[in-house]
Amino acid sequence: MKRAFDIVIAFFGLLLLSPVLLVVAFLIWRDSGHPIFFTQERIGRQFRPFFIYKFRTMVKDASQRGRAITVGDDPRITRVGRLLRKTKIDELPQLLNVLKGEMSFVGPRPEVRHYVDLFRADYEKILTIRPGITDLASLKYRDESTLLGQSQNPEEEYLKRLLPEKIMLAKAYLEHSSFFFDLQLIFKTVLRLVRDKAVS
């Protein structure tokens, strides 16, 4: 049922949101040119690597200009990128990952190979399922980049505190995973986005 839900919602989501996706693509192109999309290798179910899709929110050579994680008011983020990150619209292309079977709507957020290798034993259990667009950690750490921006050593903060807590929450999701629980998390994610927009 979970996979059937993912396919149907991802397909119709892409169809209904296609005008929005086209407008966003145009705004990115007008603001900072090509490429429109950002792709990065992540580790998926059963440790199979895949490329995650996002709208590009940073300058083209961001990887050469700084660290792998984004913190605070990162100067590499473009004008349009700031809006996309705040509204989470940059995540919409991941509907393609869901349609392809690389991700699910709900599941532990996929990590890069480096972090997975460091916590391999934990991910042996976590990656028995598909990673997802949203999960318990996504709700708890909605403002992750701001939180890391307040740290003197963001990389150390992520490795020693945030990532272990994300792993703990991923394991908690596995224990409570059900179709109804997934619907609850999706509802809470949408509600959080609406609330954040209302506050801003």
N, C-alpha and C. Protein backbone atom coordinates (compact mmCIF):
# COMPACT_ATOMS: atom_id res chain seq x y z
N MET A 1 0.82 -1.20 0.00
CA MET A 1 0.00 0.00 0.00
C MET A 1 0.86 1.27 0.00
N LYS A 2 1.95 1.25 0.78
CA LYS A 2 2.83 2.42 0.87
C LYS A 2 3.40 2.79 -0.49
N ARG A 3 3.88 1.79 -1.25
CA ARG A 3 4.48 2.07 -2.56
C ARG A 3 3.41 2.55 -3.54
N ALA A 4 2.23 1.96 -3.51
CA ALA A 4 1.15 2.39 -4.39
C ALA A 4 0.76 3.83 -4.09
N PHE A 5 0.70 4.18 -2.81
CA PHE A 5 0.39 5.55 -2.40
C PHE A 5 1.45 6.51 -2.94
N ASP A 6 2.72 6.13 -2.79
CA ASP A 6 3.82 6.97 -3.27
C ASP A 6 3.72 7.24 -4.77
N ILE A 7 3.46 6.19 -5.54
CA ILE A 7 3.40 6.32 -7.00
C ILE A 7 2.26 7.24 -7.42
N VAL A 8 1.08 7.01 -6.86
CA VAL A 8 -0.10 7.78 -7.24
C VAL A 8 0.05 9.25 -6.87
N ILE A 9 0.46 9.52 -5.64
CA ILE A 9 0.58 10.91 -5.17
C ILE A 9 1.73 11.63 -5.87
N ALA A 10 2.84 10.93 -6.10
CA ALA A 10 3.98 11.56 -6.79
C ALA A 10 3.60 11.91 -8.23
N PHE A 11 2.91 11.00 -8.90
CA PHE A 11 2.51 11.22 -10.29
C PHE A 11 1.58 12.42 -10.41
N PHE A 12 0.51 12.41 -9.62
CA PHE A 12 -0.46 13.51 -9.70
C PHE A 12 0.11 14.80 -9.11
N GLY A 13 1.03 14.65 -8.14
CA GLY A 13 1.68 15.83 -7.60
C GLY A 13 2.51 16.55 -8.65
N LEU A 14 3.29 15.78 -9.41
CA LEU A 14 4.09 16.36 -10.48
C LEU A 14 3.20 16.98 -11.56
N LEU A 15 2.09 16.30 -11.85
CA LEU A 15 1.17 16.79 -12.87
C LEU A 15 0.53 18.11 -12.44
N LEU A 16 0.00 18.16 -11.23
CA LEU A 16 -0.70 19.35 -10.75
C LEU A 16 0.26 20.51 -10.47
N LEU A 17 1.47 20.17 -10.05
CA LEU A 17 2.43 21.21 -9.69
C LEU A 17 3.31 21.64 -10.85
N SER A 18 3.11 21.05 -12.03
CA SER A 18 3.96 21.36 -13.17
C SER A 18 4.04 22.86 -13.48
N PRO A 19 2.93 23.63 -13.39
CA PRO A 19 3.06 25.08 -13.62
C PRO A 19 3.98 25.75 -12.60
N VAL A 20 3.89 25.34 -11.35
CA VAL A 20 4.75 25.89 -10.30
C VAL A 20 6.20 25.53 -10.57
N LEU A 21 6.44 24.29 -10.96
CA LEU A 21 7.81 23.83 -11.23
C LEU A 21 8.43 24.62 -12.38
N LEU A 22 7.62 24.90 -13.40
CA LEU A 22 8.11 25.66 -14.55
C LEU A 22 8.45 27.10 -14.16
N VAL A 23 7.60 27.71 -13.34
CA VAL A 23 7.85 29.08 -12.89
C VAL A 23 9.12 29.14 -12.05
N VAL A 24 9.28 28.18 -11.14
CA VAL A 24 10.48 28.14 -10.30
C VAL A 24 11.72 27.95 -11.15
N ALA A 25 11.64 27.06 -12.12
CA ALA A 25 12.78 26.82 -13.01
C ALA A 25 13.17 28.10 -13.74
N PHE A 26 12.17 28.86 -14.20
CA PHE A 26 12.43 30.12 -14.90
C PHE A 26 13.08 31.13 -13.96
N LEU A 27 12.60 31.23 -12.72
CA LEU A 27 13.15 32.18 -11.76
C LEU A 27 14.60 31.87 -11.42
N ILE A 28 14.91 30.59 -11.28
CA ILE A 28 16.30 30.19 -11.01
C ILE A 28 17.19 30.56 -12.18
N TRP A 29 16.71 30.24 -13.39
CA TRP A 29 17.49 30.56 -14.59
C TRP A 29 17.73 32.06 -14.72
N ARG A 30 16.69 32.85 -14.45
CA ARG A 30 16.81 34.30 -14.57
C ARG A 30 17.72 34.88 -13.49
N ASP A 31 17.70 34.28 -12.32
CA ASP A 31 18.48 34.79 -11.19
C ASP A 31 19.96 34.42 -11.29
N SER A 32 20.23 33.16 -11.66
CA SER A 32 21.63 32.72 -11.64
C SER A 32 22.00 31.74 -12.74
N GLY A 33 21.16 31.64 -13.76
CA GLY A 33 21.50 30.79 -14.91
C GLY A 33 21.31 29.31 -14.67
N HIS A 34 22.04 28.53 -15.45
CA HIS A 34 21.98 27.07 -15.33
C HIS A 34 23.08 26.59 -14.38
N PRO A 35 22.95 25.37 -13.81
CA PRO A 35 21.84 24.43 -13.97
C PRO A 35 20.64 24.79 -13.10
N ILE A 36 19.49 24.31 -13.48
CA ILE A 36 18.27 24.55 -12.71
C ILE A 36 18.22 23.64 -11.50
N PHE A 37 18.67 22.41 -11.69
CA PHE A 37 18.58 21.41 -10.62
C PHE A 37 19.93 21.17 -9.95
N PHE A 38 19.85 20.80 -8.69
CA PHE A 38 21.01 20.37 -7.93
C PHE A 38 20.86 18.86 -7.73
N THR A 39 21.89 18.11 -8.06
CA THR A 39 21.85 16.66 -7.83
C THR A 39 23.05 16.28 -6.96
N GLN A 40 22.83 15.34 -6.09
CA GLN A 40 23.90 14.89 -5.19
C GLN A 40 23.68 13.43 -4.85
N GLU A 41 24.77 12.68 -4.79
CA GLU A 41 24.64 11.27 -4.45
C GLU A 41 24.22 11.11 -2.99
N ARG A 42 23.23 10.29 -2.78
CA ARG A 42 22.81 9.90 -1.43
C ARG A 42 22.75 8.38 -1.40
N ILE A 43 22.70 7.84 -0.19
CA ILE A 43 22.66 6.40 -0.02
C ILE A 43 21.24 5.98 0.34
N GLY A 44 20.70 5.06 -0.47
CA GLY A 44 19.32 4.65 -0.30
C GLY A 44 19.15 3.27 0.29
N ARG A 45 17.99 2.71 0.08
CA ARG A 45 17.63 1.41 0.63
C ARG A 45 18.66 0.35 0.24
N GLN A 46 19.03 -0.49 1.23
CA GLN A 46 20.04 -1.53 1.04
C GLN A 46 21.37 -0.97 0.55
N PHE A 47 21.65 0.27 0.94
CA PHE A 47 22.92 0.95 0.64
C PHE A 47 23.13 1.19 -0.86
N ARG A 48 22.03 1.23 -1.60
CA ARG A 48 22.15 1.53 -3.04
C ARG A 48 22.24 3.05 -3.22
N PRO A 49 23.27 3.53 -3.88
CA PRO A 49 23.39 4.98 -4.11
C PRO A 49 22.42 5.45 -5.17
N PHE A 50 21.98 6.68 -5.03
CA PHE A 50 21.12 7.31 -6.04
C PHE A 50 21.39 8.81 -6.00
N PHE A 51 20.90 9.51 -6.99
CA PHE A 51 21.07 10.96 -7.04
C PHE A 51 19.76 11.64 -6.66
N ILE A 52 19.82 12.44 -5.60
CA ILE A 52 18.64 13.17 -5.15
C ILE A 52 18.49 14.44 -5.99
N TYR A 53 17.24 14.81 -6.27
CA TYR A 53 16.97 16.00 -7.07
C TYR A 53 16.42 17.12 -6.20
N LYS A 54 16.96 18.31 -6.41
CA LYS A 54 16.44 19.51 -5.76
C LYS A 54 16.58 20.66 -6.75
N PHE A 55 15.78 21.71 -6.53
CA PHE A 55 16.04 22.94 -7.27
C PHE A 55 17.32 23.55 -6.70
N ARG A 56 18.16 24.07 -7.58
CA ARG A 56 19.42 24.66 -7.12
C ARG A 56 19.13 25.96 -6.37
N THR A 57 19.65 26.06 -5.17
CA THR A 57 19.44 27.24 -4.34
C THR A 57 20.74 27.97 -4.02
N MET A 58 21.85 27.43 -4.50
CA MET A 58 23.15 28.03 -4.21
C MET A 58 23.87 28.37 -5.51
N VAL A 59 24.95 29.13 -5.40
CA VAL A 59 25.73 29.49 -6.58
C VAL A 59 26.28 28.22 -7.24
N LYS A 60 26.62 28.31 -8.51
CA LYS A 60 27.01 27.14 -9.28
C LYS A 60 28.20 26.39 -8.70
N ASP A 61 29.19 27.12 -8.19
CA ASP A 61 30.40 26.48 -7.68
C ASP A 61 30.42 26.44 -6.15
N ALA A 62 29.25 26.21 -5.56
CA ALA A 62 29.13 26.22 -4.10
C ALA A 62 30.05 25.21 -3.42
N SER A 63 30.20 24.04 -4.04
CA SER A 63 31.03 22.98 -3.43
C SER A 63 32.49 23.38 -3.33
N GLN A 64 32.92 24.28 -4.22
CA GLN A 64 34.31 24.75 -4.18
C GLN A 64 34.49 25.94 -3.25
N ARG A 65 33.38 26.49 -2.79
CA ARG A 65 33.44 27.72 -1.97
C ARG A 65 33.27 27.48 -0.47
N GLY A 66 32.98 26.26 -0.07
CA GLY A 66 32.77 26.05 1.35
C GLY A 66 32.43 24.63 1.71
N ARG A 67 31.95 24.45 2.93
CA ARG A 67 31.67 23.14 3.50
C ARG A 67 30.49 22.45 2.82
N ALA A 68 30.36 21.15 3.10
CA ALA A 68 29.30 20.35 2.47
C ALA A 68 27.93 20.67 3.05
N ILE A 69 27.88 21.03 4.34
CA ILE A 69 26.60 21.37 4.95
C ILE A 69 26.36 22.87 4.85
N THR A 70 25.09 23.25 4.83
CA THR A 70 24.73 24.67 4.72
C THR A 70 24.35 25.18 6.10
N VAL A 71 24.96 26.29 6.50
CA VAL A 71 24.70 26.80 7.84
C VAL A 71 24.30 28.27 7.79
N GLY A 72 23.33 28.62 8.65
CA GLY A 72 22.94 30.00 8.83
C GLY A 72 22.67 30.77 7.55
N ASP A 73 23.12 31.99 7.54
CA ASP A 73 22.93 32.88 6.39
C ASP A 73 24.09 32.68 5.41
N ASP A 74 24.17 31.49 4.85
CA ASP A 74 25.27 31.11 3.97
C ASP A 74 25.31 32.04 2.75
N PRO A 75 26.44 32.70 2.52
CA PRO A 75 26.53 33.64 1.39
C PRO A 75 26.44 32.97 0.02
N ARG A 76 26.55 31.65 -0.01
CA ARG A 76 26.47 30.93 -1.29
C ARG A 76 25.03 30.77 -1.77
N ILE A 77 24.06 31.01 -0.90
CA ILE A 77 22.65 30.87 -1.26
C ILE A 77 22.23 32.06 -2.14
N THR A 78 21.55 31.77 -3.22
CA THR A 78 21.10 32.82 -4.14
C THR A 78 19.85 33.52 -3.60
N ARG A 79 19.48 34.64 -4.24
CA ARG A 79 18.28 35.38 -3.80
C ARG A 79 17.04 34.51 -3.90
N VAL A 80 16.85 33.87 -5.05
CA VAL A 80 15.70 32.98 -5.23
C VAL A 80 15.83 31.77 -4.31
N GLY A 81 17.06 31.31 -4.12
CA GLY A 81 17.30 30.15 -3.28
C GLY A 81 16.83 30.32 -1.85
N ARG A 82 16.95 31.53 -1.32
CA ARG A 82 16.51 31.78 0.05
C ARG A 82 15.00 31.55 0.20
N LEU A 83 14.25 32.01 -0.78
CA LEU A 83 12.80 31.81 -0.75
C LEU A 83 12.46 30.33 -0.91
N LEU A 84 13.14 29.65 -1.81
CA LEU A 84 12.87 28.24 -2.05
C LEU A 84 13.17 27.40 -0.82
N ARG A 85 14.26 27.72 -0.14
CA ARG A 85 14.62 26.98 1.07
C ARG A 85 13.63 27.24 2.20
N LYS A 86 13.22 28.49 2.33
CA LYS A 86 12.30 28.84 3.41
C LYS A 86 10.96 28.15 3.26
N THR A 87 10.49 28.03 2.03
CA THR A 87 9.18 27.42 1.76
C THR A 87 9.28 25.92 1.48
N LYS A 88 10.53 25.41 1.38
CA LYS A 88 10.79 24.00 1.06
C LYS A 88 10.39 23.63 -0.37
N ILE A 89 10.17 24.64 -1.21
CA ILE A 89 9.84 24.37 -2.61
C ILE A 89 11.01 23.71 -3.33
N ASP A 90 12.22 23.96 -2.83
CA ASP A 90 13.40 23.34 -3.46
C ASP A 90 13.37 21.82 -3.39
N GLU A 91 12.55 21.27 -2.49
CA GLU A 91 12.47 19.82 -2.32
C GLU A 91 11.49 19.15 -3.30
N LEU A 92 10.67 19.93 -4.00
CA LEU A 92 9.64 19.35 -4.86
C LEU A 92 10.16 18.38 -5.93
N PRO A 93 11.33 18.63 -6.53
CA PRO A 93 11.82 17.67 -7.54
C PRO A 93 12.04 16.25 -6.98
N GLN A 94 12.06 16.11 -5.67
CA GLN A 94 12.21 14.78 -5.09
C GLN A 94 10.99 13.89 -5.36
N LEU A 95 9.92 14.50 -5.85
CA LEU A 95 8.79 13.68 -6.30
C LEU A 95 9.24 12.73 -7.41
N LEU A 96 10.23 13.15 -8.20
CA LEU A 96 10.81 12.26 -9.23
C LEU A 96 11.51 11.08 -8.58
N ASN A 97 12.24 11.33 -7.49
CA ASN A 97 12.90 10.24 -6.76
C ASN A 97 11.87 9.25 -6.21
N VAL A 98 10.74 9.79 -5.75
CA VAL A 98 9.67 8.93 -5.23
C VAL A 98 9.08 8.09 -6.35
N LEU A 99 8.82 8.72 -7.48
CA LEU A 99 8.23 8.02 -8.62
C LEU A 99 9.16 6.91 -9.12
N LYS A 100 10.46 7.16 -9.07
CA LYS A 100 11.45 6.18 -9.53
C LYS A 100 11.67 5.05 -8.52
N GLY A 101 11.14 5.20 -7.32
CA GLY A 101 11.30 4.15 -6.31
C GLY A 101 12.55 4.29 -5.47
N GLU A 102 13.24 5.42 -5.59
CA GLU A 102 14.46 5.64 -4.81
C GLU A 102 14.15 6.20 -3.43
N MET A 103 12.99 6.88 -3.34
CA MET A 103 12.57 7.47 -2.08
C MET A 103 11.08 7.21 -1.87
N SER A 104 10.64 7.52 -0.66
CA SER A 104 9.23 7.45 -0.31
C SER A 104 8.82 8.82 0.20
N PHE A 105 7.53 9.05 0.38
CA PHE A 105 7.11 10.33 0.95
C PHE A 105 7.58 10.44 2.39
N VAL A 106 7.48 9.32 3.11
CA VAL A 106 7.88 9.32 4.52
C VAL A 106 8.95 8.26 4.74
N GLY A 107 10.01 8.67 5.40
CA GLY A 107 11.11 7.76 5.68
C GLY A 107 12.31 8.57 6.13
N PRO A 108 13.31 7.94 6.71
CA PRO A 108 14.50 8.67 7.16
C PRO A 108 15.13 9.46 6.03
N ARG A 109 15.48 10.70 6.28
CA ARG A 109 16.09 11.52 5.25
C ARG A 109 17.40 10.89 4.77
N PRO A 110 17.62 10.85 3.45
CA PRO A 110 18.83 10.21 2.92
C PRO A 110 20.07 11.04 3.19
N GLU A 111 21.15 10.37 3.55
CA GLU A 111 22.40 11.05 3.85
C GLU A 111 23.43 10.79 2.76
N VAL A 112 24.49 11.60 2.77
CA VAL A 112 25.60 11.40 1.84
C VAL A 112 26.43 10.21 2.32
N ARG A 113 27.21 9.66 1.43
CA ARG A 113 27.98 8.44 1.72
C ARG A 113 28.90 8.61 2.94
N HIS A 114 29.52 9.79 3.06
CA HIS A 114 30.48 10.02 4.14
C HIS A 114 29.85 9.79 5.51
N TYR A 115 28.66 10.36 5.73
CA TYR A 115 28.01 10.23 7.02
C TYR A 115 27.47 8.81 7.25
N VAL A 116 27.00 8.19 6.19
CA VAL A 116 26.51 6.81 6.31
C VAL A 116 27.66 5.89 6.69
N ASP A 117 28.82 6.08 6.10
CA ASP A 117 29.98 5.25 6.42
C ASP A 117 30.41 5.41 7.88
N LEU A 118 30.29 6.62 8.40
CA LEU A 118 30.69 6.87 9.79
C LEU A 118 29.76 6.19 10.80
N PHE A 119 28.48 6.01 10.40
CA PHE A 119 27.50 5.38 11.28
C PHE A 119 26.92 4.13 10.62
N ARG A 120 27.79 3.37 10.00
CA ARG A 120 27.38 2.21 9.20
C ARG A 120 26.50 1.23 9.98
N ALA A 121 26.88 0.94 11.21
CA ALA A 121 26.12 -0.04 12.00
C ALA A 121 24.67 0.41 12.19
N ASP A 122 24.47 1.70 12.44
CA ASP A 122 23.11 2.22 12.61
C ASP A 122 22.33 2.15 11.30
N TYR A 123 23.00 2.48 10.20
CA TYR A 123 22.30 2.50 8.91
C TYR A 123 22.01 1.09 8.37
N GLU A 124 22.65 0.09 8.95
CA GLU A 124 22.30 -1.29 8.57
C GLU A 124 20.82 -1.54 8.83
N LYS A 125 20.31 -0.96 9.89
CA LYS A 125 18.90 -1.11 10.24
C LYS A 125 18.05 -0.07 9.52
N ILE A 126 18.50 1.18 9.53
CA ILE A 126 17.71 2.26 8.96
C ILE A 126 17.44 2.06 7.47
N LEU A 127 18.46 1.60 6.74
CA LEU A 127 18.33 1.49 5.28
C LEU A 127 17.71 0.16 4.82
N THR A 128 16.94 -0.43 5.71
CA THR A 128 16.11 -1.57 5.28
C THR A 128 14.85 -1.04 4.60
N ILE A 129 14.62 0.28 4.72
CA ILE A 129 13.48 0.91 4.06
C ILE A 129 13.97 2.06 3.19
N ARG A 130 13.09 2.55 2.31
CA ARG A 130 13.45 3.68 1.46
C ARG A 130 13.56 4.96 2.30
N PRO A 131 14.53 5.80 1.99
CA PRO A 131 14.56 7.12 2.63
C PRO A 131 13.38 7.94 2.16
N GLY A 132 13.09 9.02 2.88
CA GLY A 132 11.88 9.78 2.55
C GLY A 132 12.08 11.28 2.42
N ILE A 133 11.03 11.94 1.96
CA ILE A 133 11.04 13.40 1.84
C ILE A 133 10.87 14.04 3.21
N THR A 134 10.05 13.42 4.06
CA THR A 134 9.86 13.94 5.41
C THR A 134 9.91 12.81 6.41
N ASP A 135 10.23 13.15 7.65
CA ASP A 135 10.27 12.17 8.73
C ASP A 135 10.24 12.91 10.06
N LEU A 136 10.43 12.19 11.14
CA LEU A 136 10.40 12.81 12.46
C LEU A 136 11.50 13.87 12.61
N ALA A 137 12.67 13.57 12.07
CA ALA A 137 13.80 14.51 12.17
C ALA A 137 13.54 15.78 11.36
N SER A 138 12.88 15.64 10.22
CA SER A 138 12.57 16.81 9.40
C SER A 138 11.66 17.78 10.15
N LEU A 139 10.76 17.24 10.94
CA LEU A 139 9.86 18.08 11.74
C LEU A 139 10.59 18.71 12.92
N LYS A 140 11.46 17.95 13.56
CA LYS A 140 12.17 18.46 14.73
C LYS A 140 13.22 19.49 14.35
N TYR A 141 13.92 19.22 13.23
CA TYR A 141 15.00 20.10 12.82
C TYR A 141 14.63 20.85 11.54
N ARG A 142 13.49 21.47 11.56
CA ARG A 142 13.01 22.26 10.42
C ARG A 142 13.99 23.38 10.09
N ASP A 143 14.61 23.97 11.12
CA ASP A 143 15.55 25.08 10.94
C ASP A 143 16.98 24.62 11.21
N GLU A 144 17.33 23.50 10.63
CA GLU A 144 18.65 22.91 10.88
C GLU A 144 19.80 23.85 10.53
N SER A 145 19.72 24.50 9.36
CA SER A 145 20.82 25.37 8.93
C SER A 145 21.00 26.55 9.88
N THR A 146 19.89 27.08 10.41
CA THR A 146 19.98 28.18 11.38
C THR A 146 20.62 27.71 12.67
N LEU A 147 20.24 26.52 13.10
CA LEU A 147 20.80 25.94 14.31
C LEU A 147 22.30 25.72 14.17
N LEU A 148 22.71 25.19 13.04
CA LEU A 148 24.14 24.96 12.81
C LEU A 148 24.90 26.27 12.68
N GLY A 149 24.22 27.29 12.17
CA GLY A 149 24.85 28.60 12.01
C GLY A 149 25.20 29.25 13.34
N GLN A 150 24.56 28.78 14.42
CA GLN A 150 24.83 29.33 15.75
C GLN A 150 25.99 28.64 16.44
N SER A 151 26.51 27.59 15.80
CA SER A 151 27.61 26.83 16.39
C SER A 151 28.96 27.33 15.88
N GLN A 152 29.97 27.29 16.74
CA GLN A 152 31.31 27.69 16.33
C GLN A 152 31.94 26.65 15.41
N ASN A 153 31.50 25.40 15.54
CA ASN A 153 32.01 24.33 14.69
C ASN A 153 30.82 23.52 14.17
N PRO A 154 30.17 23.99 13.07
CA PRO A 154 28.96 23.33 12.56
C PRO A 154 29.14 21.86 12.21
N GLU A 155 30.27 21.52 11.61
CA GLU A 155 30.52 20.12 11.23
C GLU A 155 30.54 19.21 12.45
N GLU A 156 31.24 19.66 13.50
CA GLU A 156 31.31 18.88 14.73
C GLU A 156 29.94 18.80 15.41
N GLU A 157 29.21 19.91 15.38
CA GLU A 157 27.86 19.94 15.95
C GLU A 157 26.95 18.94 15.24
N TYR A 158 27.07 18.88 13.93
CA TYR A 158 26.23 17.96 13.15
C TYR A 158 26.60 16.50 13.46
N LEU A 159 27.89 16.22 13.48
CA LEU A 159 28.34 14.84 13.67
C LEU A 159 28.11 14.34 15.09
N LYS A 160 28.29 15.20 16.08
CA LYS A 160 28.23 14.75 17.47
C LYS A 160 26.86 14.88 18.11
N ARG A 161 26.02 15.77 17.57
CA ARG A 161 24.71 15.95 18.20
C ARG A 161 23.54 15.73 17.24
N LEU A 162 23.51 16.49 16.15
CA LEU A 162 22.33 16.43 15.28
C LEU A 162 22.19 15.08 14.58
N LEU A 163 23.25 14.59 13.95
CA LEU A 163 23.13 13.33 13.23
C LEU A 163 22.80 12.16 14.14
N PRO A 164 23.44 12.01 15.31
CA PRO A 164 23.02 10.93 16.23
C PRO A 164 21.55 11.02 16.62
N GLU A 165 21.03 12.25 16.81
CA GLU A 165 19.62 12.39 17.15
C GLU A 165 18.73 12.05 15.97
N LYS A 166 19.17 12.40 14.77
CA LYS A 166 18.42 12.02 13.57
C LYS A 166 18.36 10.50 13.43
N ILE A 167 19.47 9.86 13.71
CA ILE A 167 19.53 8.39 13.64
C ILE A 167 18.57 7.78 14.67
N MET A 168 18.55 8.35 15.86
CA MET A 168 17.65 7.86 16.91
C MET A 168 16.19 8.01 16.46
N LEU A 169 15.86 9.16 15.85
CA LEU A 169 14.50 9.39 15.38
C LEU A 169 14.15 8.47 14.21
N ALA A 170 15.13 8.17 13.37
CA ALA A 170 14.90 7.24 12.26
C ALA A 170 14.56 5.86 12.78
N LYS A 171 15.25 5.44 13.82
CA LYS A 171 14.98 4.13 14.43
C LYS A 171 13.60 4.12 15.10
N ALA A 172 13.24 5.26 15.69
CA ALA A 172 11.91 5.38 16.31
C ALA A 172 10.83 5.27 15.25
N TYR A 173 11.08 5.85 14.08
CA TYR A 173 10.11 5.75 12.98
C TYR A 173 9.93 4.30 12.56
N LEU A 174 11.04 3.57 12.48
CA LEU A 174 10.95 2.16 12.08
C LEU A 174 10.07 1.36 13.04
N GLU A 175 10.15 1.69 14.31
CA GLU A 175 9.38 0.97 15.32
C GLU A 175 7.88 1.28 15.24
N HIS A 176 7.54 2.48 14.78
CA HIS A 176 6.13 2.89 14.75
C HIS A 176 5.57 2.96 13.33
N SER A 177 6.38 2.55 12.36
CA SER A 177 5.99 2.70 10.96
C SER A 177 4.69 1.99 10.62
N SER A 178 3.80 2.75 10.00
CA SER A 178 2.53 2.21 9.49
C SER A 178 1.99 3.21 8.49
N PHE A 179 1.04 2.80 7.69
CA PHE A 179 0.45 3.70 6.71
C PHE A 179 -0.23 4.89 7.40
N PHE A 180 -0.92 4.63 8.50
CA PHE A 180 -1.61 5.68 9.24
C PHE A 180 -0.61 6.65 9.85
N PHE A 181 0.51 6.12 10.37
CA PHE A 181 1.55 6.97 10.96
C PHE A 181 2.18 7.86 9.90
N ASP A 182 2.36 7.30 8.69
CA ASP A 182 2.88 8.09 7.57
C ASP A 182 1.95 9.26 7.24
N LEU A 183 0.65 8.98 7.21
CA LEU A 183 -0.32 10.04 6.92
C LEU A 183 -0.26 11.14 7.98
N GLN A 184 -0.06 10.74 9.23
CA GLN A 184 0.08 11.72 10.31
C GLN A 184 1.29 12.62 10.09
N LEU A 185 2.41 12.02 9.71
CA LEU A 185 3.63 12.79 9.49
C LEU A 185 3.50 13.74 8.29
N ILE A 186 2.84 13.26 7.25
CA ILE A 186 2.61 14.12 6.08
C ILE A 186 1.73 15.30 6.47
N PHE A 187 0.67 15.05 7.22
CA PHE A 187 -0.23 16.11 7.68
C PHE A 187 0.51 17.12 8.55
N LYS A 188 1.35 16.63 9.47
CA LYS A 188 2.11 17.52 10.36
C LYS A 188 3.11 18.35 9.57
N THR A 189 3.71 17.75 8.54
CA THR A 189 4.67 18.48 7.70
C THR A 189 3.99 19.61 6.95
N VAL A 190 2.83 19.32 6.34
CA VAL A 190 2.09 20.34 5.61
C VAL A 190 1.63 21.44 6.55
N LEU A 191 1.14 21.05 7.71
CA LEU A 191 0.66 22.01 8.72
C LEU A 191 1.80 22.92 9.17
N ARG A 192 2.97 22.34 9.34
CA ARG A 192 4.14 23.13 9.76
C ARG A 192 4.53 24.14 8.68
N LEU A 193 4.49 23.72 7.43
CA LEU A 193 4.81 24.63 6.33
C LEU A 193 3.82 25.79 6.26
N VAL A 194 2.54 25.48 6.44
CA VAL A 194 1.51 26.52 6.42
C VAL A 194 1.71 27.50 7.58
N ARG A 195 2.00 26.98 8.76
CA ARG A 195 2.22 27.83 9.92
C ARG A 195 3.43 28.73 9.73
N ASP A 196 4.51 28.16 9.21
CA ASP A 196 5.72 28.95 8.98
C ASP A 196 5.47 30.08 8.00
N LYS A 197 4.67 29.79 6.95
CA LYS A 197 4.35 30.81 5.96
C LYS A 197 3.50 31.90 6.58
N ALA A 198 2.57 31.50 7.44
CA ALA A 198 1.68 32.49 8.08
C ALA A 198 2.48 33.42 9.01
N VAL A 199 3.46 32.87 9.70
CA VAL A 199 4.29 33.64 10.63
C VAL A 199 5.15 34.64 9.87
N SER A 200 5.70 34.17 8.69
CA SER A 200 6.57 35.03 7.91
C SER A 200 5.77 36.13 7.20
